[in-house]
Amino acid sequence: MSMISLAAMPSAVETRFADTALKTILLFCCVGLVVSFGLMSRGIDLSAGLM
């Protein structure tokens, strides 16, 4: 193997890991938003006790 191919391998792994982490964060935020809207539509006050 050449030195160029060895140097390129870790960056490819980091890119895939960053892409997976970004998708996980995005999925978590979307699920939280859907749950919040669902609770609001049922009339559950999410800010109870904060004021």
Protein backbone atom coordinates (compact mmCIF):
# COMPACT_ATOMS: atom_id res chain seq x y z
CA MET A 1 0.00 0.00 0.00
CA SER A 2 1.17 3.48 -0.71
CA MET A 3 1.45 6.19 1.94
CA ILE A 4 -1.37 8.16 0.30
CA SER A 5 -3.88 5.34 0.75
CA LEU A 6 -2.81 4.85 4.37
CA ALA A 7 -3.23 8.57 5.11
CA ALA A 8 -6.69 8.69 3.52
CA MET A 9 -8.17 5.84 5.58
CA PRO A 10 -8.59 7.58 8.97
CA SER A 11 -10.26 10.62 7.41
CA ALA A 12 -12.84 8.38 5.71
CA VAL A 13 -13.65 6.73 9.04
CA GLU A 14 -14.02 10.13 10.75
CA THR A 15 -16.36 11.34 8.01
CA ARG A 16 -18.62 8.31 8.39
CA PHE A 17 -18.66 8.70 12.19
CA ALA A 18 -19.50 12.41 11.95
CA ASP A 19 -22.31 11.65 9.49
CA THR A 20 -23.78 9.04 11.85
CA ALA A 21 -23.53 11.39 14.82
CA LEU A 22 -25.27 14.17 12.88
CA LYS A 23 -28.11 11.83 11.88
CA THR A 24 -28.51 10.70 15.49
CA ILE A 25 -28.73 14.28 16.76
CA LEU A 26 -31.19 15.22 14.03
CA LEU A 27 -33.37 12.19 14.78
CA PHE A 28 -33.34 12.98 18.52
CA CYS A 29 -34.40 16.59 17.90
CA CYS A 30 -37.19 15.60 15.50
CA VAL A 31 -38.58 13.00 17.90
CA GLY A 32 -38.52 15.56 20.73
CA LEU A 33 -40.37 18.08 18.58
CA VAL A 34 -43.04 15.54 17.60
CA VAL A 35 -43.53 14.50 21.24
CA SER A 36 -43.78 18.14 22.34
CA PHE A 37 -46.42 18.92 19.72
CA GLY A 38 -48.30 15.77 20.66
CA LEU A 39 -48.38 16.76 24.33
CA MET A 40 -49.44 20.32 23.46
CA SER A 41 -52.28 19.04 21.27
CA ARG A 42 -53.59 17.01 24.23
CA GLY A 43 -53.50 20.10 26.44
CA ILE A 44 -50.62 19.05 28.67
CA ASP A 45 -48.73 22.12 29.90
CA LEU A 46 -44.99 21.52 29.56
CA SER A 47 -44.12 24.67 31.54
CA ALA A 48 -46.12 23.78 34.65
CA GLY A 49 -44.24 24.75 37.79
CA LEU A 50 -41.71 26.98 36.05
CA MET A 51 -43.49 30.23 36.85
